[in-house]
Amino acid sequence: MDRQLAPLLPFVRKGWIEVQHCPDERSDAFTVIPLDGLRTALTDAAIRYEGDEWGIGVGCIFTYAGLAVWRGGWSSEWGRRLNFD
């Protein structure tokens, strides 16, 4: 889990990405998973949700700050930092 989580942490820490949990496809309600709760949340099968319904479970969303960085020409740097090797 740590190896999978590691690429995401710097972006969450800087406030560029928000990790959200959406428990129900019929609702727009979501919970933001804080940085210090990511490991626990992502190991919980009920939160992770691996079913076929779209929009349920965990998702990563750009914050306004993250979008500003991305649109400011930082997309190549972003891509270079986000690797899964």
Protein backbone atom coordinates (compact mmCIF):
# COMPACT_ATOMS: atom_id res chain seq x y z
CA MET A 1 0.00 0.00 0.00
CA ASP A 2 2.78 2.46 0.82
CA ARG A 3 4.29 2.08 -2.63
CA GLN A 4 0.92 2.83 -4.25
CA LEU A 5 0.21 5.72 -1.90
CA ALA A 6 3.64 7.40 -2.15
CA PRO A 7 3.10 9.18 -5.52
CA LEU A 8 -0.13 10.76 -4.28
CA LEU A 9 1.11 12.11 -0.94
CA PRO A 10 3.12 15.14 -2.16
CA PHE A 11 0.14 16.42 -4.16
CA VAL A 12 -2.27 16.00 -1.25
CA ARG A 13 0.25 17.53 1.16
CA LYS A 14 0.59 20.63 -1.04
CA GLY A 15 -3.18 20.93 -1.34
CA TRP A 16 -3.23 20.33 -5.09
CA ILE A 17 -5.35 17.17 -4.93
CA GLU A 18 -8.17 16.27 -2.60
CA VAL A 19 -9.03 12.62 -1.99
CA GLN A 20 -12.78 12.15 -1.64
CA HIS A 21 -14.99 9.24 -0.66
CA CYS A 22 -18.41 9.08 -2.33
CA PRO A 23 -20.52 6.40 -0.63
CA ASP A 24 -23.59 6.52 -2.89
CA GLU A 25 -24.12 7.12 -6.61
CA ARG A 26 -27.55 8.69 -5.99
CA SER A 27 -26.08 11.54 -3.96
CA ASP A 28 -23.54 14.32 -4.48
CA ALA A 29 -22.43 13.95 -0.86
CA PHE A 30 -18.79 13.11 -0.24
CA THR A 31 -16.24 13.09 2.55
CA VAL A 32 -12.73 14.45 2.16
CA ILE A 33 -10.15 11.95 3.38
CA PRO A 34 -7.40 13.84 5.22
CA LEU A 35 -3.74 13.17 4.50
CA ASP A 36 -3.17 11.37 7.79
CA GLY A 37 -6.17 9.10 7.15
CA LEU A 38 -5.35 8.00 3.61
CA ARG A 39 -3.58 4.74 4.44
CA THR A 40 -6.37 3.59 6.75
CA ALA A 41 -9.12 4.65 4.35
CA LEU A 42 -7.56 3.02 1.30
CA THR A 43 -7.11 -0.30 3.07
CA ASP A 44 -10.79 -0.36 4.08
CA ALA A 45 -12.68 -2.35 1.42
CA ALA A 46 -15.95 -0.55 2.21
CA ILE A 47 -14.41 2.82 1.40
CA ARG A 48 -12.33 1.66 -1.57
CA TYR A 49 -15.33 0.06 -3.37
CA GLU A 50 -14.35 -2.14 -6.26
CA GLY A 51 -17.78 -2.71 -7.76
CA ASP A 52 -19.10 -1.77 -11.18
CA GLU A 53 -21.02 1.40 -10.30
CA TRP A 54 -19.31 4.58 -11.45
CA GLY A 55 -18.85 7.41 -8.93
CA ILE A 56 -18.76 5.32 -5.76
CA GLY A 57 -15.68 4.91 -3.62
CA VAL A 58 -12.49 6.95 -3.62
CA GLY A 59 -11.57 9.58 -6.16
CA CYS A 60 -8.86 12.20 -6.53
CA ILE A 61 -10.00 15.69 -7.45
CA PHE A 62 -7.91 18.72 -8.37
CA THR A 63 -8.30 21.59 -5.92
CA TYR A 64 -8.42 25.13 -7.28
CA ALA A 65 -4.75 25.47 -6.32
CA GLY A 66 -3.92 22.25 -8.18
CA LEU A 67 -5.75 23.40 -11.28
CA ALA A 68 -3.90 26.72 -11.20
CA VAL A 69 -0.56 24.90 -11.04
CA TRP A 70 -1.59 22.55 -13.85
CA ARG A 71 -2.86 25.35 -16.08
CA GLY A 72 0.20 27.45 -15.31
CA GLY A 73 2.31 25.17 -17.47
CA TRP A 74 3.39 22.72 -14.82
CA SER A 75 1.75 19.69 -16.44
CA SER A 76 5.04 18.22 -17.68
CA GLU A 77 6.58 18.53 -14.19
CA TRP A 78 3.45 16.99 -12.73
CA GLY A 79 3.72 14.05 -15.12
CA ARG A 80 7.40 13.57 -14.36
CA ARG A 81 6.77 13.44 -10.60
CA LEU A 82 3.78 11.11 -10.85
CA ASN A 83 5.34 7.79 -11.72
CA PHE A 84 4.53 4.31 -10.49
CA ASP A 85 7.86 2.56 -11.07
